[in-house]
Amino acid sequence: MAQGASERLSEAEARPAPRPAATGARASGRGAGPFGRGAAVPIVDIAAGGTVWHARADEAGRFRDWLAAHFPGILKDEICLLKKDRGRRVAVAEGLVIKATLRRRGRSRLRFALRASTSRRDFAVGDRLIAGGVPLPRPVAWATLRRGGLRVADYIVTERIADSRKLTSILKAARDSECLRRPVLDGLGELLALFHRNGYSNRDLKDGNVLAVERPALRLWAVDLDGVRRACWRVGGLKRDFRAVLRSLGLHGWATAADKAALLEAYNARVPARLRLRRLPPFGRESGGRGEAAGDPA
């Protein structure tokens, strides 16, 4: 017994000491695994403005300074806001992007208040997918604001993807550009394949949720994990992920037979045999475009 205890002590002593938390931060001992399991990333708690944030230890100092300078005013600053709609705001400042999901009015109010934190889940899933090679912005911190035990708001902060623009603008501007058409379709097929290979589906991979970095070579990044779920591994179920992509392409005239063949080829080249598709699923009426085939039946 004494020998076993001595061995355990030696192992503990051999581990490197954890990085000290930034001033005003408290080490939480949690990792980036879902609900605190699989502590691969050290997390520290940082209290600011009545909200407790959970930040990566290696970003604690930078994030604390960012909070002091920008939160919560960033969510009301029209210059910083990227997106503002019912129940959601996205803003950017100094290389970090904050996404706020807020309690809505009406029937969904109670449902939102009682559900678990989505930002915590997105932080954990994002870290896991990045480790699996999926191009996503690196999560930096998350927080859930509760009042009386009820959820009022969810926040997640990620790195900004530099020199990027929404895929939507490329689909509109480069509709007749053959030099961009194939790389875009190849990138979309690769994104879908990477999610599926890592055991996840993404049914919201529309053009508004994809960023494009064009230099030195075109690369696509997924920036919203709301539609990401654990995959059921039935090919019929995974086909649904293609529908958001195909609708986006169709709306901008990128739904020719050649476009769909290129998307399918790019996907099949990057997934194991059990996930390969023989044809793409129907997705409703496609927009007109240069030489489009007739829309698939719904």
Protein backbone atom coordinates (compact mmCIF):
# COMPACT_ATOMS: atom_id res chain seq x y z
CA MET A 1 0.00 0.00 0.00
CA ALA A 2 2.76 2.43 0.98
CA GLN A 3 4.65 1.62 -2.21
CA GLY A 4 1.55 2.31 -4.37
CA ALA A 5 0.97 5.63 -2.62
CA SER A 6 4.61 6.54 -3.16
CA GLU A 7 4.33 5.73 -6.87
CA ARG A 8 1.19 7.88 -7.20
CA LEU A 9 2.88 10.75 -5.39
CA SER A 10 5.87 10.50 -7.70
CA GLU A 11 3.59 10.63 -10.74
CA ALA A 12 1.82 13.69 -9.38
CA GLU A 13 5.08 15.43 -8.63
CA ALA A 14 6.28 14.69 -12.16
CA ARG A 15 3.33 16.51 -13.75
CA PRO A 16 4.02 20.11 -14.77
CA ALA A 17 2.45 22.74 -12.54
CA PRO A 18 -0.67 24.34 -14.02
CA ARG A 19 -0.28 27.78 -15.48
CA PRO A 20 -1.28 30.39 -12.89
CA ALA A 21 -4.56 32.15 -13.58
CA ALA A 22 -4.62 35.82 -14.49
CA THR A 23 -5.24 38.36 -11.76
CA GLY A 24 -8.91 38.35 -10.82
CA ALA A 25 -9.42 34.88 -12.28
CA ARG A 26 -9.98 31.63 -10.47
CA ALA A 27 -8.88 28.26 -11.84
CA SER A 28 -11.96 26.10 -12.28
CA GLY A 29 -10.31 22.76 -12.96
CA ARG A 30 -12.65 22.11 -15.87
CA GLY A 31 -11.61 21.22 -19.36
CA ALA A 32 -13.07 21.77 -22.77
CA GLY A 33 -14.77 18.39 -22.82
CA PRO A 34 -18.57 18.44 -22.77
CA PHE A 35 -19.94 19.31 -19.32
CA GLY A 36 -16.43 19.40 -17.85
CA ARG A 37 -15.34 15.92 -18.84
CA GLY A 38 -12.16 15.20 -20.74
CA ALA A 39 -10.24 18.17 -19.35
CA ALA A 40 -7.98 18.74 -22.31
CA VAL A 41 -7.98 22.54 -22.03
CA PRO A 42 -7.41 24.27 -18.67
CA ILE A 43 -10.23 26.73 -17.93
CA VAL A 44 -10.30 29.69 -15.52
CA ASP A 45 -13.30 31.62 -14.22
CA ILE A 46 -13.35 35.39 -14.63
CA ALA A 47 -16.05 37.51 -12.96
CA ALA A 48 -17.06 40.66 -14.87
CA GLY A 49 -20.19 42.79 -14.60
CA GLY A 50 -22.16 40.20 -12.66
CA THR A 51 -21.35 37.44 -15.15
CA VAL A 52 -18.91 34.59 -14.58
CA TRP A 53 -16.95 33.80 -17.73
CA HIS A 54 -15.13 30.53 -18.35
CA ALA A 55 -12.02 31.24 -20.43
CA ARG A 56 -9.07 29.28 -21.71
CA ALA A 57 -6.22 29.63 -19.25
CA ASP A 58 -3.78 30.61 -21.98
CA GLU A 59 -6.10 33.46 -23.03
CA ALA A 60 -7.18 34.61 -19.55
CA GLY A 61 -5.08 37.77 -19.41
CA ARG A 62 -5.98 38.93 -22.92
CA PHE A 63 -9.65 38.07 -22.46
CA ARG A 64 -9.91 39.87 -19.13
CA ASP A 65 -8.56 43.05 -20.74
CA TRP A 66 -10.96 42.62 -23.68
CA LEU A 67 -13.92 42.28 -21.30
CA ALA A 68 -12.95 45.42 -19.39
CA ALA A 69 -12.71 47.38 -22.64
CA HIS A 70 -15.73 46.09 -24.57
CA PHE A 71 -18.36 44.18 -22.55
CA PRO A 72 -21.32 44.68 -22.50
CA GLY A 73 -21.24 47.85 -24.61
CA ILE A 74 -20.05 45.96 -27.70
CA LEU A 75 -23.50 44.38 -28.08
CA LYS A 76 -25.10 47.84 -28.49
CA ASP A 77 -22.41 49.46 -30.63
CA GLU A 78 -23.64 49.65 -34.23
CA ILE A 79 -20.06 49.92 -35.46
CA CYS A 80 -19.09 46.60 -33.87
CA LEU A 81 -22.30 44.70 -34.62
CA LEU A 82 -22.12 42.13 -37.41
CA LYS A 83 -25.58 40.70 -36.89
CA LYS A 84 -28.65 41.78 -34.95
CA ASP A 85 -31.92 39.97 -35.07
CA ARG A 86 -34.54 38.59 -32.75
CA GLY A 87 -32.80 36.95 -29.83
CA ARG A 88 -29.26 37.08 -31.25
CA ARG A 89 -26.40 39.54 -31.62
CA VAL A 90 -22.92 39.06 -33.06
CA ALA A 91 -20.21 41.71 -32.69
CA VAL A 92 -16.46 42.00 -33.22
CA ALA A 93 -13.66 44.02 -31.63
CA GLU A 94 -9.87 43.62 -31.37
CA GLY A 95 -9.70 40.23 -33.01
CA LEU A 96 -12.47 38.56 -30.98
CA VAL A 97 -16.08 37.86 -31.94
CA ILE A 98 -18.86 37.62 -29.37
CA LYS A 99 -22.14 35.86 -30.06
CA ALA A 100 -25.00 36.56 -27.65
CA THR A 101 -28.14 34.43 -27.58
CA LEU A 102 -30.80 36.28 -25.59
CA ARG A 103 -34.10 35.27 -24.05
CA ARG A 104 -36.98 35.99 -26.40
CA ARG A 105 -40.55 36.95 -25.72
CA GLY A 106 -43.53 34.69 -26.15
CA ARG A 107 -43.71 30.93 -25.91
CA SER A 108 -40.00 30.32 -26.42
CA ARG A 109 -39.13 32.42 -23.35
CA LEU A 110 -39.73 29.65 -20.81
CA ARG A 111 -38.16 26.99 -23.02
CA PHE A 112 -35.00 29.08 -23.32
CA ALA A 113 -34.92 29.79 -19.57
CA LEU A 114 -35.06 26.09 -18.62
CA ARG A 115 -32.63 24.65 -21.15
CA ALA A 116 -28.95 23.98 -20.50
CA SER A 117 -26.26 26.35 -21.70
CA THR A 118 -25.71 26.21 -25.46
CA SER A 119 -22.52 28.29 -25.26
CA ARG A 120 -20.90 25.72 -23.00
CA ARG A 121 -21.76 22.99 -25.48
CA ASP A 122 -20.53 25.03 -28.46
CA PHE A 123 -17.22 25.72 -26.70
CA ALA A 124 -16.67 22.01 -26.02
CA VAL A 125 -17.81 20.78 -29.42
CA GLY A 126 -15.85 23.50 -31.22
CA ASP A 127 -12.64 22.51 -29.48
CA ARG A 128 -13.18 18.85 -30.33
CA LEU A 129 -13.91 19.54 -33.98
CA ILE A 130 -10.88 21.80 -34.35
CA ALA A 131 -8.75 18.97 -32.96
CA GLY A 132 -10.30 16.79 -35.68
CA GLY A 133 -9.25 19.19 -38.43
CA VAL A 134 -12.51 21.10 -38.96
CA PRO A 135 -11.80 24.76 -39.85
CA LEU A 136 -13.61 26.67 -37.09
CA PRO A 137 -12.75 29.85 -35.18
CA ARG A 138 -10.99 28.93 -31.91
CA PRO A 139 -13.30 29.31 -28.89
CA VAL A 140 -11.86 31.60 -26.22
CA ALA A 141 -14.55 31.87 -23.52
CA TRP A 142 -18.19 31.26 -22.72
CA ALA A 143 -20.71 32.43 -20.13
CA THR A 144 -24.32 31.85 -19.17
CA LEU A 145 -26.23 34.58 -17.36
CA ARG A 146 -28.92 33.28 -15.02
CA ARG A 147 -31.38 35.07 -12.77
CA GLY A 148 -33.19 33.09 -10.13
CA GLY A 149 -31.76 29.94 -11.67
CA LEU A 150 -33.32 30.71 -15.07
CA ARG A 151 -31.21 31.27 -18.15
CA VAL A 152 -31.36 34.83 -19.46
CA ALA A 153 -28.48 34.91 -21.95
CA ASP A 154 -25.72 32.77 -23.43
CA TYR A 155 -22.41 34.20 -24.63
CA ILE A 156 -19.52 32.66 -26.52
CA VAL A 157 -16.37 34.46 -27.66
CA THR A 158 -14.19 33.12 -30.47
CA GLU A 159 -11.19 34.24 -32.45
CA ARG A 160 -11.95 36.37 -35.51
CA ILE A 161 -11.03 34.81 -38.86
CA ALA A 162 -8.75 37.44 -40.37
CA ASP A 163 -9.10 38.59 -44.00
CA SER A 164 -12.36 36.72 -44.46
CA ARG A 165 -15.75 37.47 -45.96
CA LYS A 166 -19.04 35.65 -46.04
CA LEU A 167 -19.39 32.96 -48.65
CA THR A 168 -22.61 34.71 -49.72
CA SER A 169 -20.65 37.54 -51.31
CA ILE A 170 -18.55 35.11 -53.35
CA LEU A 171 -21.60 33.18 -54.53
CA LYS A 172 -23.14 36.44 -55.74
CA ALA A 173 -20.04 38.00 -57.26
CA ALA A 174 -18.36 34.95 -58.78
CA ARG A 175 -21.35 33.20 -60.30
CA ASP A 176 -19.73 33.16 -63.73
CA SER A 177 -16.14 32.71 -62.54
CA GLU A 178 -14.87 29.26 -63.44
CA CYS A 179 -11.63 29.83 -61.53
CA LEU A 180 -13.57 30.21 -58.25
CA ARG A 181 -16.48 27.86 -58.91
CA ARG A 182 -14.59 24.59 -58.47
CA PRO A 183 -12.60 25.68 -55.34
CA VAL A 184 -15.82 26.83 -53.62
CA LEU A 185 -17.62 23.55 -54.33
CA ASP A 186 -14.54 21.59 -53.29
CA GLY A 187 -14.37 23.56 -50.04
CA LEU A 188 -18.04 22.94 -49.23
CA GLY A 189 -17.65 19.22 -49.89
CA GLU A 190 -14.61 19.18 -47.64
CA LEU A 191 -16.45 20.98 -44.81
CA LEU A 192 -19.31 18.48 -44.89
CA ALA A 193 -16.87 15.56 -45.01
CA LEU A 194 -14.87 16.84 -42.03
CA PHE A 195 -17.97 17.17 -39.86
CA HIS A 196 -19.15 13.67 -40.77
CA ARG A 197 -15.73 12.07 -40.30
CA ASN A 198 -15.62 13.53 -36.79
CA GLY A 199 -19.00 12.06 -35.89
CA TYR A 200 -21.13 15.20 -36.24
CA SER A 201 -23.75 16.50 -38.63
CA ASN A 202 -24.33 20.17 -39.48
CA ARG A 203 -27.74 20.97 -40.90
CA ASP A 204 -27.13 24.72 -40.94
CA LEU A 205 -24.11 24.95 -43.23
CA LYS A 206 -25.67 27.65 -45.38
CA ASP A 207 -23.67 30.38 -47.07
CA GLY A 208 -24.35 32.90 -44.28
CA ASN A 209 -22.65 30.57 -41.79
CA VAL A 210 -19.51 30.04 -43.86
CA LEU A 211 -16.56 32.42 -44.17
CA ALA A 212 -14.06 32.38 -47.02
CA VAL A 213 -10.38 33.30 -46.86
CA GLU A 214 -9.17 33.72 -50.43
CA ARG A 215 -5.39 34.03 -50.04
CA PRO A 216 -3.03 32.32 -50.50
CA ALA A 217 -5.64 29.76 -51.57
CA LEU A 218 -9.39 29.66 -51.01
CA ARG A 219 -10.33 28.08 -47.68
CA LEU A 220 -13.80 27.88 -46.13
CA TRP A 221 -14.56 28.14 -42.40
CA ALA A 222 -17.76 27.17 -40.58
CA VAL A 223 -18.67 29.84 -38.01
CA ASP A 224 -21.95 28.76 -36.42
CA LEU A 225 -22.52 25.53 -34.51
CA ASP A 226 -26.26 25.87 -33.88
CA GLY A 227 -27.03 23.12 -36.38
CA VAL A 228 -24.29 20.75 -35.20
CA ARG A 229 -25.40 17.49 -33.61
CA ARG A 230 -23.96 14.07 -32.95
CA ALA A 231 -24.42 12.10 -36.16
CA CYS A 232 -26.75 9.09 -36.21
CA TRP A 233 -24.56 7.44 -38.88
CA ARG A 234 -27.37 6.58 -41.20
CA VAL A 235 -26.50 7.80 -44.65
CA GLY A 236 -30.10 8.92 -45.14
CA GLY A 237 -29.80 11.15 -42.08
CA LEU A 238 -26.50 12.68 -43.16
CA LYS A 239 -27.99 13.53 -46.55
CA ARG A 240 -30.06 16.18 -44.79
CA ASP A 241 -26.87 18.14 -44.17
CA PHE A 242 -26.53 18.67 -47.90
CA ARG A 243 -29.90 20.40 -48.17
CA ALA A 244 -28.81 23.67 -46.56
CA VAL A 245 -25.73 23.73 -48.79
CA LEU A 246 -27.72 22.94 -51.93
CA ARG A 247 -30.37 25.57 -51.15
CA SER A 248 -27.67 28.21 -50.74
CA LEU A 249 -26.07 27.22 -54.01
CA GLY A 250 -29.40 27.15 -55.81
CA LEU A 251 -30.39 30.61 -54.61
CA HIS A 252 -27.29 32.07 -56.24
CA GLY A 253 -27.33 30.05 -59.44
CA TRP A 254 -24.75 27.47 -58.40
CA ALA A 255 -26.92 24.41 -58.86
CA THR A 256 -26.07 23.10 -62.30
CA ALA A 257 -25.64 19.37 -62.78
CA ALA A 258 -21.88 19.97 -63.00
CA ASP A 259 -21.91 21.93 -59.71
CA LYS A 260 -23.72 19.14 -57.89
CA ALA A 261 -21.40 16.53 -59.36
CA ALA A 262 -18.35 18.52 -58.21
CA LEU A 263 -19.77 18.88 -54.67
CA LEU A 264 -20.51 15.17 -54.45
CA GLU A 265 -17.08 14.25 -55.80
CA ALA A 266 -15.32 16.50 -53.28
CA TYR A 267 -17.32 14.96 -50.41
CA ASN A 268 -16.89 11.32 -51.44
CA ALA A 269 -13.13 11.76 -51.88
CA ARG A 270 -12.79 12.68 -48.19
CA VAL A 271 -15.05 10.21 -46.37
CA PRO A 272 -14.79 6.46 -45.74
CA ALA A 273 -16.68 4.11 -48.04
CA ARG A 274 -19.60 3.68 -45.62
CA LEU A 275 -20.44 7.40 -45.84
CA ARG A 276 -20.13 7.84 -49.60
CA LEU A 277 -23.23 8.86 -51.53
CA ARG A 278 -24.28 7.80 -55.00
CA ARG A 279 -26.35 10.92 -55.56
CA LEU A 280 -27.31 14.09 -53.75
CA PRO A 281 -30.71 14.39 -52.05
CA PRO A 282 -33.56 16.49 -53.52
CA PHE A 283 -33.82 19.93 -51.94
CA GLY A 284 -36.77 21.71 -53.58
CA ARG A 285 -36.78 24.22 -56.41
CA GLU A 286 -33.41 25.63 -57.45
CA SER A 287 -32.99 29.19 -58.66
CA GLY A 288 -32.41 29.80 -62.30
CA GLY A 289 -28.86 30.14 -63.44
CA ARG A 290 -26.58 29.53 -66.32
CA GLY A 291 -27.73 26.22 -67.76
CA GLU A 292 -29.33 24.88 -64.54
CA ALA A 293 -31.14 21.63 -64.65
CA ALA A 294 -34.77 21.64 -63.54
CA GLY A 295 -35.27 21.68 -59.79
CA ASP A 296 -35.45 18.39 -57.99
CA PRO A 297 -38.83 17.46 -56.60
CA ALA A 298 -39.27 18.14 -52.89
